[in-house]
N, C-alpha and C. Protein backbone atom coordinates (compact mmCIF):
# COMPACT_ATOMS: atom_id res chain seq x y z
N MET A 1 31.41 -16.78 4.20
CA MET A 1 30.64 -16.09 3.16
C MET A 1 31.08 -14.63 3.12
N PRO A 2 31.42 -14.11 1.93
CA PRO A 2 31.85 -12.71 1.85
C PRO A 2 30.71 -11.77 2.18
N PRO A 3 31.02 -10.59 2.71
CA PRO A 3 29.96 -9.65 3.05
C PRO A 3 29.24 -9.15 1.81
N ASP A 4 27.98 -8.83 1.98
CA ASP A 4 27.19 -8.27 0.90
C ASP A 4 27.78 -6.91 0.53
N PRO A 5 28.16 -6.68 -0.73
CA PRO A 5 28.74 -5.39 -1.11
C PRO A 5 27.74 -4.25 -1.01
N ASP A 6 26.48 -4.58 -0.94
CA ASP A 6 25.44 -3.55 -0.81
C ASP A 6 24.56 -3.90 0.36
N PRO A 7 24.92 -3.49 1.59
CA PRO A 7 24.19 -3.93 2.77
C PRO A 7 22.77 -3.42 2.82
N ASP A 8 22.43 -2.39 2.03
CA ASP A 8 21.08 -1.87 2.04
C ASP A 8 20.20 -2.49 0.95
N ARG A 9 20.78 -3.40 0.16
CA ARG A 9 20.01 -4.01 -0.92
C ARG A 9 18.81 -4.75 -0.36
N GLY A 10 17.62 -4.43 -0.89
CA GLY A 10 16.42 -5.11 -0.46
C GLY A 10 15.91 -4.65 0.88
N SER A 11 16.56 -3.70 1.51
CA SER A 11 16.11 -3.23 2.82
C SER A 11 15.64 -1.80 2.71
N PRO A 12 14.38 -1.52 3.15
CA PRO A 12 13.90 -0.15 3.10
C PRO A 12 14.35 0.68 4.28
N ALA A 13 15.22 0.13 5.14
CA ALA A 13 15.60 0.84 6.35
C ALA A 13 16.47 2.05 6.06
N ALA A 14 17.17 2.04 4.91
CA ALA A 14 18.03 3.17 4.57
C ALA A 14 17.16 4.33 4.09
N LYS A 15 17.22 5.45 4.77
CA LYS A 15 16.36 6.58 4.43
C LYS A 15 16.78 7.19 3.10
N PRO A 16 15.82 7.39 2.19
CA PRO A 16 16.17 8.04 0.92
C PRO A 16 16.75 9.42 1.19
N PRO A 17 17.72 9.85 0.38
CA PRO A 17 18.40 11.12 0.65
C PRO A 17 17.60 12.33 0.24
N ARG A 18 16.48 12.14 -0.45
CA ARG A 18 15.71 13.28 -0.94
C ARG A 18 14.26 12.87 -1.05
N LEU A 19 13.40 13.88 -1.16
CA LEU A 19 12.00 13.59 -1.46
C LEU A 19 11.87 13.13 -2.90
N PRO A 20 10.95 12.22 -3.17
CA PRO A 20 10.80 11.75 -4.55
C PRO A 20 10.39 12.87 -5.49
N THR A 21 10.88 12.78 -6.70
CA THR A 21 10.49 13.69 -7.78
C THR A 21 9.81 12.86 -8.84
N PRO A 22 8.60 13.22 -9.27
CA PRO A 22 7.88 12.38 -10.24
C PRO A 22 8.72 12.08 -11.47
N ARG A 23 8.74 10.83 -11.87
CA ARG A 23 9.51 10.42 -13.04
C ARG A 23 8.69 10.39 -14.32
N LEU A 24 7.37 10.48 -14.19
CA LEU A 24 6.50 10.49 -15.35
C LEU A 24 5.63 11.74 -15.31
N ALA A 25 5.37 12.28 -16.49
CA ALA A 25 4.43 13.40 -16.56
C ALA A 25 3.02 12.88 -16.34
N ALA A 26 2.25 13.57 -15.51
CA ALA A 26 0.89 13.14 -15.21
C ALA A 26 0.03 13.19 -16.47
N LEU A 27 -0.87 12.22 -16.61
CA LEU A 27 -1.80 12.16 -17.74
C LEU A 27 -3.13 12.75 -17.29
N ARG A 28 -3.42 13.96 -17.75
CA ARG A 28 -4.58 14.71 -17.25
C ARG A 28 -5.59 15.06 -18.34
N ASP A 29 -5.33 14.67 -19.57
CA ASP A 29 -6.19 15.07 -20.68
C ASP A 29 -6.84 13.86 -21.32
N PRO A 30 -8.06 13.50 -20.87
CA PRO A 30 -8.71 12.32 -21.47
C PRO A 30 -8.89 12.41 -22.97
N ALA A 31 -8.90 13.62 -23.52
CA ALA A 31 -9.05 13.75 -24.97
C ALA A 31 -7.87 13.16 -25.71
N ALA A 32 -6.74 13.02 -25.02
CA ALA A 32 -5.54 12.46 -25.65
C ALA A 32 -5.40 10.95 -25.42
N PHE A 33 -6.34 10.34 -24.72
CA PHE A 33 -6.23 8.92 -24.40
C PHE A 33 -6.67 8.06 -25.57
N ASP A 34 -6.08 6.86 -25.66
CA ASP A 34 -6.59 5.89 -26.61
C ASP A 34 -7.78 5.14 -25.98
N PRO A 35 -8.50 4.30 -26.73
CA PRO A 35 -9.70 3.65 -26.18
C PRO A 35 -9.43 2.84 -24.91
N ALA A 36 -8.32 2.13 -24.85
CA ALA A 36 -8.03 1.33 -23.66
C ALA A 36 -7.78 2.22 -22.44
N GLN A 37 -7.11 3.36 -22.66
CA GLN A 37 -6.90 4.30 -21.57
C GLN A 37 -8.22 4.90 -21.11
N HIS A 38 -9.09 5.24 -22.04
CA HIS A 38 -10.42 5.75 -21.68
C HIS A 38 -11.16 4.72 -20.83
N ALA A 39 -11.11 3.46 -21.26
CA ALA A 39 -11.83 2.41 -20.52
C ALA A 39 -11.28 2.27 -19.11
N MET A 40 -9.96 2.32 -18.97
CA MET A 40 -9.38 2.23 -17.64
C MET A 40 -9.77 3.42 -16.79
N TRP A 41 -9.66 4.63 -17.35
CA TRP A 41 -10.02 5.84 -16.61
C TRP A 41 -11.46 5.73 -16.09
N GLU A 42 -12.37 5.34 -16.95
CA GLU A 42 -13.77 5.26 -16.54
C GLU A 42 -13.99 4.19 -15.48
N SER A 43 -13.26 3.08 -15.58
CA SER A 43 -13.44 2.02 -14.58
C SER A 43 -12.96 2.47 -13.21
N VAL A 44 -11.93 3.30 -13.17
CA VAL A 44 -11.41 3.78 -11.88
C VAL A 44 -12.33 4.86 -11.31
N VAL A 45 -12.70 5.84 -12.14
CA VAL A 45 -13.44 6.99 -11.60
C VAL A 45 -14.90 6.65 -11.31
N SER A 46 -15.41 5.55 -11.87
CA SER A 46 -16.80 5.20 -11.62
C SER A 46 -16.95 4.06 -10.62
N GLY A 47 -15.84 3.55 -10.10
CA GLY A 47 -15.88 2.42 -9.18
C GLY A 47 -15.96 2.86 -7.72
N PRO A 48 -15.64 1.96 -6.81
CA PRO A 48 -15.75 2.27 -5.38
C PRO A 48 -14.75 3.31 -4.88
N ARG A 49 -13.74 3.62 -5.70
CA ARG A 49 -12.79 4.67 -5.33
C ARG A 49 -13.24 6.06 -5.81
N ALA A 50 -14.44 6.18 -6.35
CA ALA A 50 -14.85 7.39 -7.07
C ALA A 50 -14.53 8.68 -6.32
N ALA A 51 -14.73 8.69 -5.00
CA ALA A 51 -14.56 9.94 -4.24
C ALA A 51 -13.12 10.42 -4.24
N THR A 52 -12.18 9.51 -4.38
CA THR A 52 -10.76 9.88 -4.31
C THR A 52 -10.00 9.46 -5.56
N ALA A 53 -10.71 9.13 -6.64
CA ALA A 53 -10.07 8.54 -7.82
C ALA A 53 -9.17 9.52 -8.56
N VAL A 54 -9.52 10.81 -8.52
CA VAL A 54 -8.76 11.82 -9.25
C VAL A 54 -8.14 12.79 -8.26
N ARG A 55 -6.85 13.02 -8.39
CA ARG A 55 -6.16 13.96 -7.52
C ARG A 55 -6.57 15.39 -7.84
N PRO A 56 -6.39 16.32 -6.91
CA PRO A 56 -6.72 17.72 -7.20
C PRO A 56 -5.99 18.27 -8.43
N GLU A 57 -4.82 17.71 -8.72
CA GLU A 57 -4.05 18.17 -9.88
C GLU A 57 -4.64 17.69 -11.21
N GLY A 58 -5.53 16.69 -11.15
CA GLY A 58 -6.22 16.26 -12.37
C GLY A 58 -5.89 14.87 -12.88
N GLN A 59 -4.90 14.19 -12.30
CA GLN A 59 -4.56 12.84 -12.73
C GLN A 59 -5.17 11.81 -11.79
N LEU A 60 -5.19 10.55 -12.23
CA LEU A 60 -5.67 9.49 -11.37
C LEU A 60 -4.80 9.37 -10.13
N SER A 61 -5.41 8.99 -9.03
CA SER A 61 -4.69 8.88 -7.76
C SER A 61 -3.95 7.56 -7.66
N GLY A 62 -3.16 7.44 -6.60
CA GLY A 62 -2.42 6.21 -6.34
C GLY A 62 -1.52 5.83 -7.50
N PRO A 63 -1.44 4.52 -7.80
CA PRO A 63 -0.57 4.08 -8.89
C PRO A 63 -1.24 4.15 -10.25
N PHE A 64 -2.49 4.61 -10.30
CA PHE A 64 -3.27 4.43 -11.54
C PHE A 64 -2.88 5.39 -12.65
N ASP A 65 -2.36 6.56 -12.31
CA ASP A 65 -1.82 7.41 -13.37
C ASP A 65 -0.64 6.72 -14.05
N VAL A 66 0.21 6.08 -13.27
CA VAL A 66 1.32 5.30 -13.84
C VAL A 66 0.78 4.18 -14.73
N LEU A 67 -0.22 3.47 -14.24
CA LEU A 67 -0.73 2.31 -14.95
C LEU A 67 -1.49 2.65 -16.22
N LEU A 68 -1.85 3.92 -16.41
CA LEU A 68 -2.48 4.31 -17.67
C LEU A 68 -1.55 4.06 -18.85
N ARG A 69 -0.24 3.95 -18.60
CA ARG A 69 0.69 3.63 -19.70
C ARG A 69 0.51 2.20 -20.18
N SER A 70 -0.07 1.35 -19.37
CA SER A 70 -0.37 -0.03 -19.74
C SER A 70 -1.79 -0.32 -19.28
N PRO A 71 -2.79 0.23 -20.00
CA PRO A 71 -4.14 0.26 -19.45
C PRO A 71 -4.81 -1.10 -19.26
N GLN A 72 -4.43 -2.08 -20.05
CA GLN A 72 -5.03 -3.40 -19.84
C GLN A 72 -4.60 -3.94 -18.47
N ILE A 73 -3.30 -3.82 -18.18
CA ILE A 73 -2.82 -4.23 -16.86
C ILE A 73 -3.41 -3.32 -15.80
N GLY A 74 -3.47 -2.02 -16.09
CA GLY A 74 -4.01 -1.08 -15.12
C GLY A 74 -5.44 -1.38 -14.74
N THR A 75 -6.26 -1.74 -15.71
CA THR A 75 -7.65 -2.08 -15.42
C THR A 75 -7.73 -3.33 -14.56
N ALA A 76 -6.92 -4.32 -14.88
CA ALA A 76 -6.92 -5.56 -14.09
C ALA A 76 -6.46 -5.29 -12.66
N VAL A 77 -5.40 -4.48 -12.52
CA VAL A 77 -4.91 -4.15 -11.18
C VAL A 77 -5.95 -3.36 -10.41
N SER A 78 -6.60 -2.40 -11.08
CA SER A 78 -7.64 -1.61 -10.42
C SER A 78 -8.79 -2.49 -9.96
N ASP A 79 -9.21 -3.41 -10.80
CA ASP A 79 -10.32 -4.29 -10.43
C ASP A 79 -9.94 -5.19 -9.26
N LEU A 80 -8.72 -5.73 -9.30
CA LEU A 80 -8.28 -6.57 -8.19
C LEU A 80 -8.20 -5.77 -6.90
N GLY A 81 -7.63 -4.57 -6.98
CA GLY A 81 -7.51 -3.75 -5.78
C GLY A 81 -8.86 -3.38 -5.20
N ALA A 82 -9.82 -3.05 -6.07
CA ALA A 82 -11.15 -2.71 -5.57
C ALA A 82 -11.78 -3.92 -4.87
N LEU A 83 -11.60 -5.10 -5.44
CA LEU A 83 -12.12 -6.30 -4.81
C LEU A 83 -11.48 -6.55 -3.46
N LEU A 84 -10.15 -6.43 -3.40
CA LEU A 84 -9.44 -6.71 -2.15
C LEU A 84 -9.71 -5.65 -1.08
N ARG A 85 -9.93 -4.42 -1.48
CA ARG A 85 -10.17 -3.35 -0.50
C ARG A 85 -11.59 -3.30 -0.02
N PHE A 86 -12.56 -3.59 -0.88
CA PHE A 86 -13.94 -3.28 -0.56
C PHE A 86 -14.89 -4.48 -0.53
N SER A 87 -14.42 -5.66 -0.91
CA SER A 87 -15.36 -6.79 -1.05
C SER A 87 -14.83 -8.08 -0.44
N THR A 88 -14.07 -7.97 0.65
CA THR A 88 -13.57 -9.18 1.31
C THR A 88 -14.15 -9.28 2.71
N SER A 89 -13.78 -10.34 3.38
CA SER A 89 -14.21 -10.53 4.77
C SER A 89 -13.39 -9.71 5.75
N LEU A 90 -12.35 -9.03 5.27
CA LEU A 90 -11.46 -8.31 6.18
C LEU A 90 -12.15 -7.13 6.86
N GLY A 91 -12.97 -6.42 6.11
CA GLY A 91 -13.52 -5.18 6.64
C GLY A 91 -12.48 -4.07 6.60
N PRO A 92 -12.93 -2.83 6.78
CA PRO A 92 -12.00 -1.71 6.61
C PRO A 92 -10.87 -1.66 7.63
N ARG A 93 -11.08 -2.10 8.85
CA ARG A 93 -10.02 -2.00 9.86
C ARG A 93 -8.86 -2.93 9.54
N LEU A 94 -9.14 -4.20 9.30
CA LEU A 94 -8.05 -5.13 8.99
C LEU A 94 -7.39 -4.77 7.66
N THR A 95 -8.17 -4.24 6.72
CA THR A 95 -7.60 -3.79 5.46
C THR A 95 -6.55 -2.70 5.72
N GLU A 96 -6.86 -1.76 6.60
CA GLU A 96 -5.89 -0.70 6.91
C GLU A 96 -4.68 -1.24 7.66
N VAL A 97 -4.89 -2.20 8.54
CA VAL A 97 -3.76 -2.80 9.26
C VAL A 97 -2.76 -3.41 8.27
N VAL A 98 -3.27 -4.19 7.33
CA VAL A 98 -2.39 -4.85 6.36
C VAL A 98 -1.72 -3.82 5.46
N THR A 99 -2.51 -2.87 4.97
CA THR A 99 -1.98 -1.88 4.04
C THR A 99 -0.88 -1.04 4.68
N LEU A 100 -1.09 -0.60 5.91
CA LEU A 100 -0.07 0.19 6.61
C LEU A 100 1.20 -0.62 6.80
N THR A 101 1.05 -1.89 7.11
CA THR A 101 2.22 -2.74 7.34
C THR A 101 3.08 -2.83 6.09
N VAL A 102 2.44 -3.02 4.94
CA VAL A 102 3.17 -3.12 3.68
C VAL A 102 3.77 -1.77 3.29
N ALA A 103 2.96 -0.72 3.35
CA ALA A 103 3.45 0.61 2.96
C ALA A 103 4.62 1.04 3.84
N SER A 104 4.57 0.70 5.12
CA SER A 104 5.67 1.04 6.03
C SER A 104 6.94 0.31 5.64
N HIS A 105 6.83 -0.97 5.38
CA HIS A 105 8.03 -1.74 5.06
C HIS A 105 8.75 -1.19 3.83
N TRP A 106 7.96 -0.83 2.81
CA TRP A 106 8.56 -0.36 1.56
C TRP A 106 8.72 1.16 1.51
N HIS A 107 8.37 1.84 2.60
CA HIS A 107 8.44 3.31 2.62
C HIS A 107 7.69 3.90 1.43
N ALA A 108 6.52 3.37 1.16
CA ALA A 108 5.67 3.86 0.07
C ALA A 108 4.88 5.06 0.60
N ARG A 109 5.43 6.24 0.39
CA ARG A 109 4.90 7.44 1.05
C ARG A 109 3.44 7.72 0.71
N LEU A 110 3.09 7.62 -0.56
CA LEU A 110 1.73 7.95 -0.95
C LEU A 110 0.73 6.96 -0.35
N ALA A 111 1.05 5.68 -0.40
CA ALA A 111 0.16 4.69 0.20
C ALA A 111 0.05 4.91 1.70
N TRP A 112 1.18 5.20 2.34
CA TRP A 112 1.15 5.43 3.78
C TRP A 112 0.28 6.64 4.12
N SER A 113 0.45 7.73 3.42
CA SER A 113 -0.25 8.97 3.79
C SER A 113 -1.76 8.78 3.73
N GLY A 114 -2.25 8.10 2.70
CA GLY A 114 -3.69 7.89 2.60
C GLY A 114 -4.21 6.89 3.60
N HIS A 115 -3.46 5.82 3.83
CA HIS A 115 -3.98 4.76 4.67
C HIS A 115 -3.73 5.00 6.16
N ALA A 116 -2.76 5.83 6.50
CA ALA A 116 -2.65 6.23 7.90
C ALA A 116 -3.90 7.02 8.31
N LYS A 117 -4.37 7.88 7.40
CA LYS A 117 -5.60 8.62 7.66
C LYS A 117 -6.78 7.65 7.79
N GLY A 118 -6.83 6.67 6.91
CA GLY A 118 -7.89 5.66 6.99
C GLY A 118 -7.81 4.86 8.27
N ALA A 119 -6.60 4.54 8.72
CA ALA A 119 -6.43 3.77 9.96
C ALA A 119 -6.97 4.56 11.16
N ARG A 120 -6.67 5.86 11.19
CA ARG A 120 -7.18 6.69 12.28
C ARG A 120 -8.71 6.71 12.27
N ALA A 121 -9.28 6.76 11.07
CA ALA A 121 -10.74 6.77 10.96
C ALA A 121 -11.35 5.46 11.46
N GLN A 122 -10.58 4.38 11.41
CA GLN A 122 -11.05 3.09 11.91
C GLN A 122 -10.75 2.89 13.39
N GLY A 123 -10.24 3.91 14.05
CA GLY A 123 -9.99 3.82 15.48
C GLY A 123 -8.69 3.17 15.87
N ILE A 124 -7.77 2.99 14.92
CA ILE A 124 -6.47 2.43 15.25
C ILE A 124 -5.66 3.49 15.99
N PRO A 125 -5.15 3.18 17.18
CA PRO A 125 -4.47 4.20 17.98
C PRO A 125 -3.24 4.78 17.29
N GLU A 126 -2.99 6.05 17.55
CA GLU A 126 -1.82 6.71 16.96
C GLU A 126 -0.53 6.02 17.38
N SER A 127 -0.48 5.55 18.62
CA SER A 127 0.73 4.86 19.08
C SER A 127 1.00 3.60 18.27
N ALA A 128 -0.06 2.90 17.89
CA ALA A 128 0.10 1.69 17.08
C ALA A 128 0.55 2.05 15.67
N ILE A 129 -0.02 3.11 15.11
CA ILE A 129 0.39 3.56 13.78
C ILE A 129 1.86 3.93 13.77
N GLU A 130 2.31 4.61 14.80
CA GLU A 130 3.72 5.00 14.89
C GLU A 130 4.63 3.79 14.99
N ARG A 131 4.20 2.77 15.73
CA ARG A 131 5.03 1.56 15.85
C ARG A 131 5.08 0.81 14.52
N VAL A 132 3.96 0.76 13.82
CA VAL A 132 3.98 0.13 12.49
C VAL A 132 4.96 0.87 11.58
N ALA A 133 4.97 2.19 11.64
CA ALA A 133 5.89 2.97 10.81
C ALA A 133 7.34 2.64 11.10
N ARG A 134 7.63 2.26 12.34
CA ARG A 134 9.01 1.91 12.71
C ARG A 134 9.31 0.43 12.50
N GLY A 135 8.33 -0.32 12.02
CA GLY A 135 8.53 -1.75 11.83
C GLY A 135 8.44 -2.55 13.10
N GLU A 136 7.84 -1.97 14.13
CA GLU A 136 7.73 -2.62 15.44
C GLU A 136 6.35 -3.25 15.61
N ASP A 137 6.28 -4.20 16.53
CA ASP A 137 4.99 -4.81 16.88
C ASP A 137 4.08 -3.72 17.43
N PRO A 138 2.91 -3.48 16.81
CA PRO A 138 2.04 -2.40 17.28
C PRO A 138 1.29 -2.72 18.56
N ALA A 139 1.43 -3.94 19.07
CA ALA A 139 0.78 -4.33 20.34
C ALA A 139 -0.73 -4.15 20.27
N PHE A 140 -1.32 -4.62 19.19
CA PHE A 140 -2.77 -4.56 19.07
C PHE A 140 -3.42 -5.41 20.15
N LYS A 141 -4.49 -4.92 20.72
CA LYS A 141 -5.24 -5.68 21.71
C LYS A 141 -6.17 -6.69 21.04
N SER A 142 -6.65 -6.37 19.85
CA SER A 142 -7.54 -7.27 19.14
C SER A 142 -6.75 -8.43 18.53
N PRO A 143 -7.15 -9.69 18.82
CA PRO A 143 -6.44 -10.82 18.22
C PRO A 143 -6.43 -10.80 16.70
N SER A 144 -7.52 -10.35 16.07
CA SER A 144 -7.56 -10.32 14.61
C SER A 144 -6.64 -9.24 14.06
N ASP A 145 -6.59 -8.07 14.71
CA ASP A 145 -5.64 -7.04 14.29
C ASP A 145 -4.21 -7.57 14.37
N HIS A 146 -3.91 -8.21 15.50
CA HIS A 146 -2.54 -8.70 15.70
C HIS A 146 -2.20 -9.79 14.69
N ALA A 147 -3.16 -10.69 14.42
CA ALA A 147 -2.90 -11.77 13.47
C ALA A 147 -2.67 -11.22 12.07
N ALA A 148 -3.48 -10.25 11.65
CA ALA A 148 -3.32 -9.67 10.32
C ALA A 148 -1.98 -8.96 10.20
N TRP A 149 -1.61 -8.19 11.23
CA TRP A 149 -0.31 -7.51 11.20
C TRP A 149 0.83 -8.53 11.17
N SER A 150 0.74 -9.55 11.98
CA SER A 150 1.82 -10.53 12.09
C SER A 150 2.07 -11.24 10.77
N VAL A 151 0.99 -11.61 10.08
CA VAL A 151 1.15 -12.31 8.80
C VAL A 151 1.73 -11.36 7.75
N ALA A 152 1.16 -10.16 7.65
CA ALA A 152 1.67 -9.21 6.66
C ALA A 152 3.13 -8.85 6.94
N HIS A 153 3.46 -8.65 8.21
CA HIS A 153 4.84 -8.30 8.57
C HIS A 153 5.80 -9.45 8.24
N ALA A 154 5.38 -10.68 8.55
CA ALA A 154 6.24 -11.82 8.24
C ALA A 154 6.46 -11.94 6.74
N LEU A 155 5.42 -11.72 5.97
CA LEU A 155 5.56 -11.86 4.52
C LEU A 155 6.48 -10.82 3.92
N VAL A 156 6.33 -9.56 4.33
CA VAL A 156 7.17 -8.53 3.72
C VAL A 156 8.61 -8.59 4.21
N THR A 157 8.84 -9.15 5.39
CA THR A 157 10.20 -9.20 5.91
C THR A 157 10.92 -10.51 5.60
N THR A 158 10.17 -11.60 5.46
CA THR A 158 10.83 -12.89 5.22
C THR A 158 10.30 -13.62 3.99
N GLY A 159 9.11 -13.26 3.53
CA GLY A 159 8.51 -13.99 2.42
C GLY A 159 7.85 -15.29 2.81
N HIS A 160 7.81 -15.58 4.11
CA HIS A 160 7.25 -16.84 4.59
C HIS A 160 6.42 -16.61 5.85
N VAL A 161 5.60 -17.60 6.19
CA VAL A 161 4.84 -17.61 7.44
C VAL A 161 5.20 -18.90 8.16
N SER A 162 5.72 -18.78 9.36
CA SER A 162 6.16 -19.96 10.11
C SER A 162 4.96 -20.84 10.48
N ASP A 163 5.26 -22.08 10.84
CA ASP A 163 4.19 -23.00 11.25
C ASP A 163 3.43 -22.45 12.45
N ASP A 164 4.14 -21.91 13.42
CA ASP A 164 3.47 -21.40 14.62
C ASP A 164 2.59 -20.20 14.29
N LEU A 165 3.10 -19.30 13.47
CA LEU A 165 2.30 -18.14 13.09
C LEU A 165 1.10 -18.57 12.26
N TYR A 166 1.30 -19.49 11.36
CA TYR A 166 0.18 -19.98 10.54
C TYR A 166 -0.92 -20.56 11.43
N ALA A 167 -0.53 -21.39 12.38
CA ALA A 167 -1.53 -22.01 13.25
C ALA A 167 -2.28 -20.95 14.06
N ALA A 168 -1.53 -19.96 14.58
CA ALA A 168 -2.18 -18.91 15.36
C ALA A 168 -3.10 -18.07 14.49
N ALA A 169 -2.64 -17.73 13.30
CA ALA A 169 -3.43 -16.85 12.43
C ALA A 169 -4.69 -17.53 11.93
N ILE A 170 -4.58 -18.78 11.54
CA ILE A 170 -5.76 -19.44 10.99
C ILE A 170 -6.79 -19.71 12.08
N SER A 171 -6.33 -19.88 13.31
CA SER A 171 -7.28 -20.09 14.41
C SER A 171 -8.06 -18.82 14.71
N VAL A 172 -7.46 -17.68 14.46
CA VAL A 172 -8.12 -16.40 14.73
C VAL A 172 -8.90 -15.92 13.51
N LEU A 173 -8.30 -16.01 12.34
CA LEU A 173 -8.87 -15.41 11.14
C LEU A 173 -9.74 -16.37 10.33
N GLY A 174 -9.43 -17.65 10.38
CA GLY A 174 -10.09 -18.61 9.50
C GLY A 174 -9.44 -18.64 8.13
N GLU A 175 -9.79 -19.64 7.35
CA GLU A 175 -9.12 -19.86 6.07
C GLU A 175 -9.36 -18.73 5.08
N ARG A 176 -10.63 -18.33 4.91
CA ARG A 176 -10.93 -17.30 3.90
C ARG A 176 -10.21 -16.00 4.22
N THR A 177 -10.31 -15.54 5.46
CA THR A 177 -9.72 -14.25 5.79
C THR A 177 -8.20 -14.30 5.71
N LEU A 178 -7.60 -15.43 6.08
CA LEU A 178 -6.15 -15.54 5.96
C LEU A 178 -5.73 -15.48 4.50
N VAL A 179 -6.44 -16.14 3.61
CA VAL A 179 -6.15 -16.04 2.18
C VAL A 179 -6.22 -14.58 1.74
N GLU A 180 -7.23 -13.86 2.21
CA GLU A 180 -7.40 -12.47 1.80
C GLU A 180 -6.33 -11.56 2.38
N VAL A 181 -5.86 -11.84 3.59
CA VAL A 181 -4.74 -11.08 4.16
C VAL A 181 -3.50 -11.26 3.28
N VAL A 182 -3.21 -12.48 2.89
CA VAL A 182 -2.03 -12.74 2.06
C VAL A 182 -2.18 -12.06 0.70
N ALA A 183 -3.36 -12.16 0.10
CA ALA A 183 -3.57 -11.54 -1.21
C ALA A 183 -3.46 -10.02 -1.12
N LEU A 184 -4.01 -9.42 -0.08
CA LEU A 184 -3.93 -7.97 0.08
C LEU A 184 -2.49 -7.53 0.31
N THR A 185 -1.74 -8.31 1.06
CA THR A 185 -0.32 -8.01 1.26
C THR A 185 0.41 -7.97 -0.08
N GLY A 186 0.17 -8.95 -0.92
CA GLY A 186 0.81 -8.97 -2.22
C GLY A 186 0.37 -7.81 -3.10
N TYR A 187 -0.91 -7.48 -3.05
CA TYR A 187 -1.40 -6.37 -3.86
C TYR A 187 -0.72 -5.07 -3.47
N TYR A 188 -0.57 -4.82 -2.18
CA TYR A 188 0.06 -3.56 -1.78
C TYR A 188 1.57 -3.57 -1.94
N CYS A 189 2.17 -4.74 -2.04
CA CYS A 189 3.58 -4.77 -2.49
C CYS A 189 3.67 -4.27 -3.93
N LEU A 190 2.78 -4.76 -4.80
CA LEU A 190 2.76 -4.28 -6.18
C LEU A 190 2.52 -2.77 -6.21
N THR A 191 1.53 -2.30 -5.46
CA THR A 191 1.25 -0.87 -5.42
C THR A 191 2.46 -0.08 -4.95
N SER A 192 3.11 -0.55 -3.90
CA SER A 192 4.29 0.13 -3.37
C SER A 192 5.41 0.18 -4.39
N PHE A 193 5.62 -0.91 -5.13
CA PHE A 193 6.67 -0.93 -6.14
C PHE A 193 6.39 0.09 -7.24
N LEU A 194 5.14 0.19 -7.66
CA LEU A 194 4.79 1.18 -8.69
C LEU A 194 5.00 2.60 -8.17
N LEU A 195 4.53 2.87 -6.97
CA LEU A 195 4.69 4.21 -6.40
C LEU A 195 6.16 4.57 -6.22
N ASN A 196 6.95 3.62 -5.76
CA ASN A 196 8.36 3.92 -5.49
C ASN A 196 9.19 3.99 -6.76
N THR A 197 8.93 3.10 -7.70
CA THR A 197 9.71 3.12 -8.95
C THR A 197 9.52 4.42 -9.70
N PHE A 198 8.27 4.88 -9.78
CA PHE A 198 7.97 6.07 -10.57
C PHE A 198 7.87 7.33 -9.70
N GLU A 199 8.22 7.18 -8.43
CA GLU A 199 8.32 8.29 -7.49
C GLU A 199 7.06 9.17 -7.52
N VAL A 200 5.93 8.51 -7.33
CA VAL A 200 4.66 9.23 -7.30
C VAL A 200 4.60 10.03 -6.00
N PRO A 201 4.40 11.34 -6.08
CA PRO A 201 4.50 12.17 -4.88
C PRO A 201 3.24 12.14 -4.03
N VAL A 202 3.40 12.48 -2.76
CA VAL A 202 2.24 12.71 -1.90
C VAL A 202 1.67 14.08 -2.24
N SER A 203 0.49 14.36 -1.72
CA SER A 203 -0.13 15.66 -1.96
C SER A 203 0.68 16.76 -1.30
N HIS A 204 0.56 17.95 -1.81
CA HIS A 204 1.30 19.09 -1.28
C HIS A 204 1.01 19.29 0.20
N GLY A 205 2.08 19.45 0.96
CA GLY A 205 1.95 19.71 2.39
C GLY A 205 1.84 18.48 3.26
N VAL A 206 1.72 17.30 2.66
CA VAL A 206 1.62 16.06 3.43
C VAL A 206 3.02 15.55 3.75
N THR A 207 3.23 15.13 4.98
CA THR A 207 4.51 14.58 5.38
C THR A 207 4.36 13.11 5.75
N THR A 208 5.48 12.38 5.72
CA THR A 208 5.48 10.96 6.09
C THR A 208 6.66 10.71 7.01
N PRO A 209 6.67 9.56 7.69
CA PRO A 209 7.78 9.28 8.63
C PRO A 209 9.15 9.15 7.98
N TRP A 210 9.21 9.04 6.64
CA TRP A 210 10.50 8.78 5.99
C TRP A 210 11.01 9.98 5.19
N ASP A 211 10.40 11.13 5.39
CA ASP A 211 10.90 12.32 4.71
C ASP A 211 12.26 12.69 5.27
N PRO A 212 13.19 13.14 4.42
CA PRO A 212 14.48 13.61 4.94
C PRO A 212 14.29 14.84 5.80
N PRO A 213 15.22 15.09 6.72
CA PRO A 213 15.09 16.27 7.58
C PRO A 213 15.03 17.55 6.76
N ALA A 214 14.20 18.47 7.22
CA ALA A 214 14.10 19.77 6.55
C ALA A 214 15.44 20.50 6.67
N GLU A 215 15.85 21.12 5.58
CA GLU A 215 17.13 21.85 5.60
C GLU A 215 16.93 23.23 6.21
């Protein structure tokens, strides 16, 4: 088989050569929105993300400023994300474990910066967070933490869950929680793709493990 002409294709291991530069102008003036954009804006700012829904600069946080360009999809994505983050059996700790795993794999800086902070708030050790950032086994002591990380890591790296991992995960997590781990993994892949494609920046002064060396 001939070698892949692009060995970094599909692999986030290659460090980007520069910090991302926003590719879209932020939408900060609700007076200029159409009705669907207004409806999406209100659904985001009035929902469970209300405290962090709007960035200090004035636009929606996360991928939602990008999604205002397609507000029907944006509203659906926002609703799904709110359900997966705040209304599942996972609880906040396992939610952060899964989210960090996905954000790390795709080097989604904005997702990582927010959820690393959330992981610390949930008592996840700094050493484990650092290992997740490197794509390494974080050596969680909790069986549920380890099962959630293992499934999310397998999915983002291979797209599959082996029979042995499936058996171990379902014995620890149960059917409902395993379904929710898989769904949350997929949701944050979508989020990561939006953030990376449109180069949504982190807040001023925030650093991530994948920033290029300072000149």
